[in-house]
N, C-alpha and C. Protein backbone atom coordinates (compact mmCIF):
# COMPACT_ATOMS: atom_id res chain seq x y z
N MET A 1 0.91 -1.13 -0.01
CA MET A 1 0.03 0.03 -0.02
C MET A 1 0.85 1.18 0.08
N THR A 2 0.70 1.90 -0.99
CA THR A 2 1.58 3.18 -1.08
C THR A 2 0.70 4.44 -0.41
N GLY A 3 1.60 5.68 0.00
CA GLY A 3 0.75 6.63 0.34
C GLY A 3 0.33 6.71 1.81
N VAL A 4 0.84 5.73 2.51
CA VAL A 4 0.45 5.58 3.94
C VAL A 4 1.30 6.33 4.68
N ALA A 5 0.72 7.37 5.54
CA ALA A 5 1.39 8.22 6.61
C ALA A 5 1.81 7.49 7.70
N VAL A 6 2.94 7.27 7.85
CA VAL A 6 3.35 6.50 9.22
C VAL A 6 3.47 7.46 10.45
N LYS A 7 2.52 7.07 11.28
CA LYS A 7 2.27 8.39 12.35
C LYS A 7 2.92 7.58 13.69
N ILE A 8 2.98 6.32 13.75
CA ILE A 8 3.50 5.56 15.04
C ILE A 8 4.99 5.51 14.74
N LYS A 9 5.97 5.95 15.64
CA LYS A 9 7.34 5.78 15.45
C LYS A 9 7.88 4.81 16.63
N LYS A 10 9.17 4.45 16.28
CA LYS A 10 9.82 3.57 17.21
C LYS A 10 10.08 4.44 18.52
N GLY A 11 9.94 3.88 19.81
CA GLY A 11 10.16 4.59 21.02
C GLY A 11 8.75 5.24 21.54
N ASP A 12 7.57 5.15 20.71
CA ASP A 12 6.21 5.78 21.14
C ASP A 12 5.65 4.69 22.11
N SER A 13 4.88 5.30 22.99
CA SER A 13 4.04 4.56 23.78
C SER A 13 2.73 4.38 23.24
N VAL A 14 2.32 3.12 23.03
CA VAL A 14 0.98 2.57 22.44
C VAL A 14 0.25 1.89 23.40
N VAL A 15 -1.23 1.72 22.96
CA VAL A 15 -2.10 0.95 23.89
C VAL A 15 -2.70 -0.03 22.67
N VAL A 16 -2.68 -1.38 23.04
CA VAL A 16 -3.05 -2.47 22.17
C VAL A 16 -4.53 -2.33 22.43
N MET A 17 -5.35 -2.14 21.23
CA MET A 17 -6.80 -1.98 21.38
C MET A 17 -7.54 -3.16 21.04
N ALA A 18 -6.92 -4.07 20.29
CA ALA A 18 -7.64 -5.24 19.70
C ALA A 18 -6.61 -6.40 19.62
N GLY A 19 -7.13 -7.68 19.73
CA GLY A 19 -6.39 -8.92 19.59
C GLY A 19 -6.22 -9.56 20.98
N ASP A 20 -5.36 -10.64 20.94
CA ASP A 20 -5.24 -11.46 22.06
C ASP A 20 -4.54 -10.67 23.30
N ASP A 21 -3.70 -9.72 22.89
CA ASP A 21 -2.90 -9.08 24.01
C ASP A 21 -3.73 -7.70 24.22
N LYS A 22 -4.95 -7.36 24.11
CA LYS A 22 -5.61 -6.38 24.39
C LYS A 22 -5.37 -5.91 25.90
N SER A 23 -4.97 -4.71 26.07
CA SER A 23 -4.77 -4.31 27.46
C SER A 23 -4.77 -2.67 27.47
N PRO A 24 -5.21 -2.20 28.56
CA PRO A 24 -5.15 -0.74 28.81
C PRO A 24 -3.79 -0.12 29.02
N THR A 25 -2.87 -0.87 29.39
CA THR A 25 -1.54 -0.29 29.74
C THR A 25 -0.67 -0.03 28.64
N PRO A 26 0.02 1.09 28.56
CA PRO A 26 0.94 1.35 27.59
C PRO A 26 2.09 0.72 27.46
N ARG A 27 2.45 0.44 26.19
CA ARG A 27 3.85 -0.35 25.87
C ARG A 27 4.76 0.39 25.14
N ARG A 28 5.90 0.18 24.80
CA ARG A 28 6.79 0.76 24.15
C ARG A 28 7.07 0.25 22.49
N VAL A 29 7.12 0.86 21.57
CA VAL A 29 7.17 0.36 20.35
C VAL A 29 8.89 0.19 20.02
N VAL A 30 9.04 -1.12 19.73
CA VAL A 30 10.44 -1.51 19.47
C VAL A 30 10.85 -1.29 18.04
N GLN A 31 10.02 -1.61 17.22
CA GLN A 31 10.51 -1.49 15.71
C GLN A 31 9.24 -1.37 14.89
N VAL A 32 9.34 -0.35 13.84
CA VAL A 32 8.29 -0.42 12.91
C VAL A 32 8.68 -1.12 11.58
N LEU A 33 7.90 -1.95 11.03
CA LEU A 33 8.21 -2.87 9.80
C LEU A 33 7.19 -2.66 8.65
N ALA A 34 7.58 -3.08 7.46
CA ALA A 34 6.72 -3.10 6.39
C ALA A 34 5.91 -1.79 6.06
N ASP A 35 6.53 -0.55 5.81
CA ASP A 35 6.07 0.44 5.38
C ASP A 35 4.83 0.94 6.55
N GLY A 36 5.10 0.82 7.82
CA GLY A 36 4.17 1.15 8.81
C GLY A 36 3.06 0.30 9.10
N GLN A 37 2.87 -0.78 8.36
CA GLN A 37 1.79 -1.59 8.49
C GLN A 37 1.88 -2.64 9.73
N LYS A 38 3.04 -2.99 10.05
CA LYS A 38 3.25 -3.82 11.03
C LYS A 38 4.08 -3.24 12.22
N ILE A 39 4.07 -3.45 13.51
CA ILE A 39 5.06 -2.84 14.46
C ILE A 39 5.21 -3.94 15.58
N LEU A 40 6.47 -3.95 16.10
CA LEU A 40 6.90 -4.61 17.13
C LEU A 40 6.74 -3.95 18.44
N ILE A 41 6.01 -4.59 19.45
CA ILE A 41 5.84 -4.06 20.72
C ILE A 41 6.41 -4.74 21.86
N GLN A 42 7.03 -4.22 22.66
CA GLN A 42 7.72 -4.82 23.80
C GLN A 42 6.83 -5.46 24.68
N GLY A 43 6.91 -6.87 24.80
CA GLY A 43 6.03 -7.54 25.75
C GLY A 43 4.69 -8.19 25.17
N VAL A 44 4.51 -7.82 23.72
CA VAL A 44 3.08 -8.05 23.29
C VAL A 44 3.26 -9.29 22.09
N ASN A 45 2.55 -10.06 21.99
CA ASN A 45 2.33 -11.32 20.83
C ASN A 45 3.76 -11.94 21.00
N GLN A 46 3.75 -12.45 22.23
CA GLN A 46 5.10 -13.68 22.43
C GLN A 46 4.79 -14.94 22.16
N VAL A 47 5.75 -15.39 21.06
CA VAL A 47 5.60 -16.77 20.87
C VAL A 47 6.91 -17.70 21.16
N TRP A 48 6.66 -18.99 20.92
CA TRP A 48 7.83 -19.81 21.05
C TRP A 48 8.07 -20.28 19.64
N LYS A 49 9.62 -20.07 19.20
CA LYS A 49 9.83 -20.58 18.00
C LYS A 49 10.86 -21.80 18.16
N HIS A 50 10.53 -22.81 17.63
CA HIS A 50 11.31 -23.99 17.54
C HIS A 50 12.52 -24.04 16.67
N VAL A 51 13.79 -24.20 16.93
CA VAL A 51 14.91 -24.02 16.12
C VAL A 51 15.51 -25.18 16.24
N ARG A 52 16.22 -25.63 15.16
CA ARG A 52 17.06 -26.80 14.96
C ARG A 52 18.49 -26.48 15.69
N ARG A 53 19.30 -27.41 15.74
CA ARG A 53 20.64 -27.13 15.99
C ARG A 53 21.44 -26.39 14.94
N GLY A 54 22.21 -25.49 15.31
CA GLY A 54 23.05 -24.95 14.43
C GLY A 54 22.69 -23.41 14.17
N HIS A 55 21.46 -23.01 14.73
CA HIS A 55 21.04 -21.96 14.44
C HIS A 55 21.87 -20.63 15.17
N PRO A 56 22.17 -19.67 14.47
CA PRO A 56 22.90 -18.57 15.25
C PRO A 56 22.65 -18.23 16.58
N LYS A 57 21.14 -17.89 16.83
CA LYS A 57 20.83 -17.64 18.09
C LYS A 57 20.95 -18.73 19.17
N SER A 58 20.85 -19.86 18.70
CA SER A 58 20.86 -21.00 19.58
C SER A 58 21.37 -22.23 19.09
N PRO A 59 22.75 -22.23 19.10
CA PRO A 59 23.54 -23.26 18.63
C PRO A 59 23.15 -24.77 18.90
N GLN A 60 22.73 -24.99 20.13
CA GLN A 60 22.38 -26.19 20.80
C GLN A 60 20.69 -26.59 20.33
N GLY A 61 20.06 -25.80 19.75
CA GLY A 61 18.67 -25.93 19.41
C GLY A 61 17.82 -25.75 20.48
N GLY A 62 16.53 -26.04 20.33
CA GLY A 62 15.54 -25.60 21.52
C GLY A 62 14.42 -24.75 20.99
N ARG A 63 13.96 -23.98 22.03
CA ARG A 63 12.80 -23.06 21.82
C ARG A 63 13.24 -21.46 22.16
N LEU A 64 12.96 -20.79 21.20
CA LEU A 64 13.24 -19.35 21.47
C LEU A 64 12.15 -18.61 21.77
N HIS A 65 12.07 -17.81 22.66
CA HIS A 65 10.75 -16.92 23.17
C HIS A 65 11.00 -15.47 22.48
N LEU A 66 10.03 -15.20 21.46
CA LEU A 66 10.23 -14.20 20.56
C LEU A 66 9.07 -13.17 20.69
N GLU A 67 9.15 -12.05 20.30
CA GLU A 67 7.92 -11.11 20.08
C GLU A 67 7.67 -11.07 18.60
N MET A 68 6.67 -11.33 17.99
CA MET A 68 6.23 -11.07 16.87
C MET A 68 5.45 -9.88 16.74
N PRO A 69 5.51 -9.31 15.43
CA PRO A 69 4.92 -7.99 15.10
C PRO A 69 3.31 -8.19 15.08
N ILE A 70 2.67 -6.92 15.12
CA ILE A 70 1.28 -7.03 15.06
C ILE A 70 0.92 -5.92 14.12
N GLN A 71 -0.36 -5.82 13.71
CA GLN A 71 -0.97 -4.91 12.61
C GLN A 71 -0.99 -3.40 13.30
N SER A 72 -0.49 -2.43 12.71
CA SER A 72 -0.61 -1.17 13.51
C SER A 72 -1.91 -0.54 13.62
N SER A 73 -2.85 -1.09 12.70
CA SER A 73 -4.21 -0.58 12.98
C SER A 73 -5.10 -1.16 14.46
N ASN A 74 -4.28 -2.08 14.98
CA ASN A 74 -4.76 -2.74 16.35
C ASN A 74 -4.13 -1.84 17.53
N VAL A 75 -3.44 -0.81 17.34
CA VAL A 75 -2.94 0.04 18.49
C VAL A 75 -3.29 1.55 18.21
N MET A 76 -3.19 2.21 19.45
CA MET A 76 -3.42 3.64 19.47
C MET A 76 -2.26 4.14 20.15
N TYR A 77 -1.98 5.57 19.69
CA TYR A 77 -0.90 6.24 20.45
C TYR A 77 -1.27 6.71 21.85
N TYR A 78 -0.34 6.50 22.88
CA TYR A 78 -0.66 6.97 24.30
C TYR A 78 -0.06 8.21 24.34
N CYS A 79 -1.00 9.25 24.81
CA CYS A 79 -0.43 10.42 24.99
C CYS A 79 -0.16 10.69 26.30
N GLU A 80 1.08 11.16 26.57
CA GLU A 80 1.85 11.14 28.06
C GLU A 80 0.99 12.47 28.69
N SER A 81 0.65 13.55 28.08
CA SER A 81 0.15 14.78 28.69
C SER A 81 -1.40 14.67 28.99
N CYS A 82 -2.06 13.94 28.19
CA CYS A 82 -3.39 13.59 28.82
C CYS A 82 -3.72 12.30 29.33
N ASN A 83 -2.65 11.45 29.36
CA ASN A 83 -2.82 10.09 29.80
C ASN A 83 -3.94 9.17 29.38
N LYS A 84 -4.25 9.27 27.96
CA LYS A 84 -5.17 8.75 27.42
C LYS A 84 -4.65 8.16 26.00
N PRO A 85 -5.33 7.05 25.40
CA PRO A 85 -5.05 6.76 23.95
C PRO A 85 -5.81 7.73 23.24
N SER A 86 -5.00 8.24 22.13
CA SER A 86 -5.70 9.02 21.04
C SER A 86 -5.09 8.95 19.88
N ARG A 87 -5.75 9.55 18.81
CA ARG A 87 -5.34 9.55 17.34
C ARG A 87 -4.15 10.68 17.26
N LEU A 88 -3.30 10.47 16.38
CA LEU A 88 -2.41 11.35 15.95
C LEU A 88 -2.71 12.09 14.69
N GLY A 89 -2.37 13.44 14.64
CA GLY A 89 -2.65 14.32 13.47
C GLY A 89 -1.39 14.81 12.92
N LEU A 90 -1.34 15.44 11.98
CA LEU A 90 -0.06 16.19 11.23
C LEU A 90 -0.52 17.63 11.17
N ARG A 91 0.48 18.49 11.46
CA ARG A 91 0.32 19.82 11.20
C ARG A 91 1.61 20.53 11.13
N TYR A 92 1.63 21.70 10.65
CA TYR A 92 2.79 22.48 10.59
C TYR A 92 3.11 23.55 11.61
N ALA A 93 4.06 23.45 12.21
CA ALA A 93 4.54 24.34 13.49
C ALA A 93 4.68 25.82 13.08
N GLU A 94 4.97 26.65 13.79
CA GLU A 94 5.35 28.04 13.57
C GLU A 94 6.46 28.13 12.70
N ASP A 95 7.38 27.44 12.71
CA ASP A 95 8.74 27.69 11.82
C ASP A 95 8.50 26.92 10.62
N GLY A 96 7.38 26.04 10.39
CA GLY A 96 7.30 25.37 9.02
C GLY A 96 7.62 24.02 9.04
N ALA A 97 7.97 23.54 10.22
CA ALA A 97 8.40 22.11 10.52
C ALA A 97 7.05 21.21 10.55
N LYS A 98 6.99 20.19 10.00
CA LYS A 98 5.70 19.32 10.17
C LYS A 98 6.00 18.43 11.32
N GLU A 99 5.01 18.48 12.28
CA GLU A 99 4.94 17.73 13.43
C GLU A 99 3.60 16.88 13.72
N ARG A 100 3.86 15.88 14.55
CA ARG A 100 2.81 14.92 15.04
C ARG A 100 2.15 15.65 16.25
N PHE A 101 0.82 15.55 16.52
CA PHE A 101 0.27 16.23 17.52
C PHE A 101 -0.98 15.24 17.96
N CYS A 102 -1.15 15.33 19.21
CA CYS A 102 -2.39 14.43 19.84
C CYS A 102 -3.72 15.24 19.58
N ARG A 103 -4.55 14.53 19.04
CA ARG A 103 -5.95 14.98 18.76
C ARG A 103 -6.73 15.48 19.72
N ARG A 104 -6.54 14.90 20.86
CA ARG A 104 -7.44 14.97 22.03
C ARG A 104 -7.01 16.32 22.82
N CYS A 105 -5.66 16.50 23.04
CA CYS A 105 -5.38 17.59 23.92
C CYS A 105 -4.39 18.69 22.99
N LYS A 106 -4.15 18.34 21.81
CA LYS A 106 -3.45 19.17 20.83
C LYS A 106 -1.91 19.57 21.12
N THR A 107 -1.37 18.60 21.93
CA THR A 107 -0.05 18.80 22.37
C THR A 107 0.91 18.16 21.22
N ALA A 108 2.29 18.69 21.01
CA ALA A 108 2.93 18.06 19.92
C ALA A 108 3.53 16.93 20.33
N ALA A 109 3.81 15.74 19.61
CA ALA A 109 4.23 14.63 19.70
C ALA A 109 5.56 14.32 19.06
N GLY A 110 6.32 15.21 18.54
CA GLY A 110 7.73 15.17 17.86
C GLY A 110 7.31 15.68 16.47
N SER A 111 8.62 15.91 15.83
CA SER A 111 8.71 16.42 14.61
C SER A 111 8.76 15.31 13.55
N VAL A 112 8.26 15.59 12.39
CA VAL A 112 8.45 14.70 11.25
C VAL A 112 9.32 15.06 10.31
N SER A 113 9.27 16.35 9.70
CA SER A 113 10.29 16.99 8.73
C SER A 113 10.74 18.12 9.33
N PRO A 114 12.09 18.45 8.71
CA PRO A 114 12.61 19.89 9.28
C PRO A 114 11.88 20.91 8.62
N SER A 115 12.13 22.10 9.23
CA SER A 115 11.41 23.30 8.78
C SER A 115 11.47 23.75 7.44
N LYS A 116 10.51 24.26 6.85
CA LYS A 116 10.45 24.69 5.37
C LYS A 116 9.98 26.21 5.35
N PRO A 117 10.69 27.05 4.86
CA PRO A 117 10.21 28.57 5.10
C PRO A 117 8.91 28.74 4.36
N VAL A 118 8.46 27.81 3.53
CA VAL A 118 7.22 28.00 2.55
C VAL A 118 5.94 27.87 3.55
N TYR A 119 6.24 26.89 4.47
CA TYR A 119 4.97 26.63 5.41
C TYR A 119 5.17 27.32 6.67
N ALA A 120 6.10 28.19 6.96
CA ALA A 120 6.15 29.03 8.06
C ALA A 120 5.06 29.84 8.30
N LYS A 121 4.48 30.12 9.54
CA LYS A 121 3.50 31.00 9.65
C LYS A 121 3.99 32.47 9.79
N LYS A 122 3.33 33.37 9.01
CA LYS A 122 3.80 34.76 9.18
C LYS A 122 3.15 35.74 9.86
């Protein structure tokens, strides 16, 4: 899918809203995969992977405990200022930089692109 705006970034706090690991507690995003469609979250969707002997992570073989990615549509951004899950929006800041913001309390959630004088507010 092309043209998808990736709003969830690595290091964000998210709440899992759907699936087996649905929980109101916020978790940290470890990695964003596949053009923002899948994300890896710390402590969510843990599985056992059975590996043969000679595997680089487990030379003696056995079972590895791994976290697998989940669909990004199953999570919501957790805003630290309003302490609730909310959607993210994109807007231009005063200096023309594009930033993410919480749609609930309108606080900034980090920059997406550097400032451009064309979009600076005059």
